[in-house]
Protein backbone atom coordinates (compact mmCIF):
# COMPACT_ATOMS: atom_id res chain seq x y z
CA MET A 1 0.00 0.00 0.00
CA SER A 2 1.34 3.46 -0.93
CA HIS A 3 1.88 6.22 1.62
CA SER A 4 -0.93 8.27 0.09
CA SER A 5 -3.35 5.31 0.27
CA SER A 6 -2.36 4.68 3.89
CA ARG A 7 -2.98 8.34 4.75
CA ARG A 8 -6.38 8.24 3.05
CA ALA A 9 -7.32 5.09 5.01
CA ARG A 10 -6.30 6.68 8.32
CA THR A 11 -8.16 9.89 7.43
CA GLY A 12 -11.27 7.89 6.59
CA ALA A 13 -11.11 5.94 9.86
CA VAL A 14 -10.73 9.14 11.87
CA ALA A 15 -13.65 10.72 10.02
CA LEU A 16 -15.83 7.68 10.70
CA LEU A 17 -15.03 7.76 14.40
CA ALA A 18 -15.67 11.51 14.52
CA LEU A 19 -19.07 10.98 12.89
CA LEU A 20 -19.87 8.22 15.37
CA SER A 21 -18.77 10.43 18.24
CA SER A 22 -21.05 13.27 17.14
CA ALA A 23 -24.02 10.91 17.17
CA LEU A 24 -23.42 9.72 20.74
CA PRO A 25 -24.80 11.43 23.83
CA ALA A 26 -22.48 13.90 25.54
CA GLY A 27 -21.11 13.28 29.02
CA ALA A 28 -20.76 9.50 28.71
CA GLN A 29 -17.61 7.51 28.09
CA GLN A 30 -17.60 5.81 24.70
CA SER A 31 -15.05 3.47 23.17
CA VAL A 32 -14.42 1.15 20.23
CA GLU A 33 -12.46 -2.09 20.75
CA VAL A 34 -11.49 -5.29 18.99
CA VAL A 35 -11.06 -8.41 21.12
CA PRO A 36 -9.21 -11.50 19.84
CA TYR A 37 -10.21 -14.43 22.01
CA THR A 38 -10.04 -18.17 22.49
CA GLY A 39 -12.31 -20.49 24.39
CA TYR A 40 -13.81 -23.88 25.06
CA TYR A 41 -16.97 -25.26 23.42
CA VAL A 42 -19.08 -27.73 25.48
CA PRO A 43 -22.23 -29.25 23.91
CA PHE A 44 -24.75 -30.04 26.63
CA SER A 45 -27.14 -32.34 24.78
CA ASP A 46 -27.17 -35.26 22.35
CA PHE A 47 -28.52 -34.41 18.92
CA GLY A 48 -29.93 -37.88 18.25
CA SER A 49 -30.13 -41.54 19.19
CA THR A 50 -30.90 -44.86 17.50
CA ARG A 51 -30.96 -48.58 18.25
CA ARG A 52 -29.82 -51.71 16.46
CA THR A 53 -31.23 -55.22 16.92
CA PRO A 54 -28.54 -57.58 15.54
CA GLY A 55 -30.71 -60.72 15.68
CA PRO A 56 -32.16 -63.46 17.89
CA GLY A 57 -30.17 -63.99 21.07
CA VAL A 58 -27.96 -60.95 20.45
CA PRO A 59 -28.39 -57.96 22.81
CA ASP A 60 -29.68 -54.70 21.37
CA ILE A 61 -27.18 -51.89 20.88
CA ALA A 62 -28.25 -48.32 21.67
CA SER A 63 -26.25 -45.43 20.27
CA THR A 64 -26.23 -41.70 20.87
CA PHE A 65 -24.75 -38.88 18.79
CA ARG A 66 -23.23 -35.78 20.37
CA GLU A 67 -21.03 -32.95 19.14
CA ASN A 68 -17.48 -33.06 20.48
CA LEU A 69 -15.83 -30.71 22.92
CA GLY A 70 -13.79 -28.15 21.01
CA VAL A 71 -11.36 -25.25 21.25
CA LEU A 72 -12.44 -22.09 19.46
CA LEU A 73 -10.74 -19.00 18.07
CA GLY A 74 -12.60 -15.76 17.55
CA LEU A 75 -12.64 -12.02 17.12
CA LYS A 76 -15.21 -9.51 18.29
CA GLY A 77 -15.74 -5.85 17.73
CA ARG A 78 -17.27 -3.86 20.56
CA ILE A 79 -18.78 -0.39 20.80
CA ASP A 80 -19.53 0.95 24.28
CA TRP A 81 -22.18 3.59 23.68
CA ASN A 82 -22.01 4.87 27.25
CA ASP A 83 -20.98 3.63 30.71
CA ASN A 84 -23.71 0.96 30.70
CA LEU A 85 -24.73 -0.13 27.20
CA GLY A 86 -22.74 -1.66 24.38
CA THR A 87 -22.98 -3.67 21.15
CA GLU A 88 -20.77 -6.57 20.06
CA LEU A 89 -20.32 -8.34 16.72
CA THR A 90 -18.43 -11.63 17.01
CA ALA A 91 -17.09 -14.33 14.68
CA SER A 92 -15.56 -17.63 15.82
CA TRP A 93 -14.36 -20.96 14.44
CA THR A 94 -14.39 -24.18 16.48
CA ARG A 95 -12.70 -27.50 15.75
CA THR A 96 -15.29 -30.08 16.78
CA GLY A 97 -17.24 -32.90 15.06
CA TRP A 98 -19.44 -35.58 16.55
CA THR A 99 -19.07 -38.89 18.36
CA GLU A 100 -21.31 -41.92 18.25
CA THR A 101 -21.34 -43.91 21.49
CA LEU A 102 -22.60 -47.50 21.25
CA LYS A 103 -23.90 -49.08 24.44
CA PRO A 104 -24.92 -52.78 24.37
CA ALA A 105 -27.91 -53.81 26.47
CA ASP A 106 -25.73 -56.52 28.03
CA PRO A 107 -23.78 -54.85 30.91
CA ASN A 108 -20.96 -57.36 30.45
CA LEU A 109 -20.13 -55.93 27.01
CA TYR A 110 -17.96 -52.86 26.45
CA VAL A 111 -19.24 -49.42 25.57
CA VAL A 112 -17.46 -48.24 22.42
CA GLY A 113 -17.54 -45.19 20.18
CA TYR A 114 -15.97 -43.38 17.26
CA SER A 115 -15.65 -39.75 16.16
CA VAL A 116 -15.93 -37.89 12.87
CA PRO A 117 -14.10 -34.51 12.65
CA GLY A 118 -15.86 -31.30 11.74
CA SER A 119 -16.04 -27.60 12.49
CA VAL A 120 -18.46 -24.89 13.57
CA LEU A 121 -18.43 -21.30 12.26
CA GLN A 122 -20.53 -18.85 14.25
CA THR A 123 -21.35 -15.16 14.18
CA GLN A 124 -23.25 -13.22 16.84
CA LEU A 125 -24.82 -9.80 17.21
CA ARG A 126 -25.44 -9.02 20.86
CA ALA A 127 -26.07 -6.24 23.34
CA THR A 128 -24.22 -5.79 26.63
CA TYR A 129 -25.25 -4.13 29.87
CA ARG A 130 -22.76 -3.23 32.60
CA PRO A 131 -23.87 -1.74 35.95
CA VAL A 132 -22.14 1.45 37.02
CA ARG A 133 -18.70 0.92 38.65
CA SER A 134 -18.79 -2.82 37.95
CA ASN A 135 -16.45 -5.09 36.01
CA LEU A 136 -19.29 -7.56 35.42
CA TYR A 137 -21.67 -7.31 32.49
CA LEU A 138 -24.60 -9.17 30.97
CA LEU A 139 -24.91 -10.10 27.31
CA GLY A 140 -27.63 -11.37 25.02
CA GLY A 141 -28.38 -11.54 21.32
CA ALA A 142 -28.77 -13.62 18.17
CA THR A 143 -26.45 -16.24 16.66
CA TRP A 144 -25.95 -17.76 13.23
CA THR A 145 -24.18 -21.13 13.14
CA ARG A 146 -22.73 -23.06 10.21
CA ARG A 147 -21.44 -26.64 10.61
CA GLY A 148 -18.96 -28.21 8.16
CA GLY A 149 -16.26 -30.80 7.66
CA ASP A 150 -16.63 -34.57 7.32
CA ALA A 151 -18.98 -34.73 10.31
CA TRP A 152 -21.60 -32.68 8.44
CA ASN A 153 -20.95 -33.92 4.91
CA ALA A 154 -24.16 -35.74 4.03
CA ASP A 155 -22.75 -37.10 0.75
CA LEU A 156 -19.82 -38.72 2.55
CA TRP A 157 -22.09 -40.16 5.23
CA ASN A 158 -24.61 -41.55 2.72
CA LYS A 159 -21.89 -43.15 0.62
CA GLN A 160 -20.24 -45.02 3.49
CA PHE A 161 -22.85 -45.81 6.10
CA ALA A 162 -26.43 -44.79 5.45
CA ASP A 163 -29.24 -45.40 3.00
CA GLY A 164 -28.76 -42.33 0.82
CA THR A 165 -31.48 -40.13 2.31
CA THR A 166 -29.53 -38.27 4.99
CA LYS A 167 -29.80 -34.48 4.96
CA TYR A 168 -28.30 -32.22 7.60
CA ASN A 169 -29.42 -28.85 8.86
CA SER A 170 -25.93 -27.48 8.44
CA SER A 171 -26.87 -23.93 9.50
CA ASN A 172 -29.32 -22.39 11.94
CA VAL A 173 -30.24 -19.24 13.83
CA GLY A 174 -30.31 -19.23 17.63
CA ALA A 175 -29.87 -17.10 20.72
CA VAL A 176 -27.07 -16.42 23.21
CA ILE A 177 -27.25 -15.27 26.82
CA GLY A 178 -24.42 -14.96 29.30
CA THR A 179 -22.25 -12.90 31.55
CA GLY A 180 -18.78 -11.43 31.28
CA PHE A 181 -16.01 -9.95 33.38
CA ARG A 182 -13.50 -7.26 32.40
CA ALA A 183 -10.31 -6.88 34.44
CA ALA A 184 -7.01 -5.02 34.07
CA ALA A 185 -3.82 -6.96 34.79
CA SER A 186 -1.78 -3.80 34.18
CA PRO A 187 -2.35 -0.34 32.66
CA ARG A 188 -1.73 -1.82 29.20
CA LEU A 189 -3.02 -5.38 29.56
CA ARG A 190 -6.70 -6.17 30.10
CA PHE A 191 -8.69 -9.38 29.98
CA ASP A 192 -12.27 -10.11 28.97
CA VAL A 193 -13.82 -13.39 30.20
CA THR A 194 -17.29 -14.61 29.21
CA ALA A 195 -19.51 -17.56 30.11
CA GLU A 196 -22.18 -18.06 27.45
CA LEU A 197 -25.16 -20.35 26.87
CA HIS A 198 -26.07 -20.88 23.21
CA LEU A 199 -29.64 -22.00 22.53
CA ALA A 200 -31.17 -23.26 19.27
CA SER A 201 -34.42 -24.96 18.38
CA VAL A 202 -33.18 -27.09 15.50
CA ASP A 203 -32.93 -30.71 14.39
CA LYS A 204 -29.31 -31.00 13.30
CA VAL A 205 -30.43 -33.87 11.09
CA ALA A 206 -33.14 -32.71 8.68
CA SER A 207 -34.06 -36.18 7.40
CA GLY A 208 -32.70 -39.66 6.91
CA PHE A 209 -29.64 -40.70 8.91
CA VAL A 210 -30.94 -44.25 8.68
CA LEU A 211 -27.93 -46.42 9.34
CA ARG A 212 -28.01 -49.81 7.71
CA GLY A 213 -29.63 -52.34 10.02
CA ARG A 214 -30.79 -49.75 12.59
CA ASP A 215 -33.92 -47.93 13.60
CA PRO A 216 -34.37 -44.37 12.23
CA LEU A 217 -32.62 -41.66 14.20
CA LYS A 218 -34.64 -39.98 16.94
CA SER A 219 -33.55 -36.39 16.51
CA ARG A 220 -33.46 -33.88 19.35
CA SER A 221 -34.87 -30.48 18.37
CA PHE A 222 -33.59 -28.27 21.20
CA GLN A 223 -29.85 -27.78 21.61
CA GLN A 224 -27.83 -26.12 24.37
CA ASP A 225 -24.09 -25.41 24.20
CA PHE A 226 -21.87 -23.80 26.84
CA VAL A 227 -18.95 -21.62 25.77
CA LEU A 228 -16.21 -20.16 27.99
CA THR A 229 -13.95 -17.52 26.41
CA VAL A 230 -10.92 -15.43 27.37
CA GLY A 231 -9.93 -12.41 25.28
CA VAL A 232 -7.57 -9.44 25.26
CA PRO A 233 -9.32 -6.12 24.41
CA LEU A 234 -7.42 -3.74 22.12
CA ARG A 235 -8.82 -0.22 22.26
CA LEU A 236 -9.03 1.61 18.94
CA TRP A 237 -10.74 4.78 20.08
CA GLN A 238 -12.09 6.36 23.27
CA ARG A 239 -13.83 9.57 24.22
């Protein structure tokens, strides 16, 4: 990038912030931040179950399907409109997948399982509320989730295991609620910690998922995931 282009970009950014500043109420402290963060993704519920009856004299085998625990990486932009209210836009990527756990009806037989790798891409638009003189804040908003990788590749699943009718709901809209904590380790280093509950009313399997020799999948239509994140806020502007 040329020096003139760089100067124009900086001038444009300053002008945008000045315009934003003029639209905000006077007397309150406003700021704009970006927050790179990492975290841990914990699915709370199975997304389906099925059963296989091998034959006469052979115990039934029940199986459940659940998304895997995962580590996530993300970035969020935050605008604090005043001392209490703010808006955040977040984007994160999680390495996850799902695991099938097979449990024979005979207690003398082993419980076994296998995993298929996948990923989750999520964006959120949420509001924050922080009481006066408090480091704690509340958050809530809407989420959009997109699942991918081998775990959510219906063509791959149909070809290897199923009857050819499997279709996934690979994306969905949901809600997020949670709480956060902002703390300063030093004048230049601050941390932002959140504990979030992600809620979605969705069957992750739209249809099919009929494994050869098994009953049809009983899909669970309400999902809850817990996410714990730690980020480092980088302030771009403050008034």
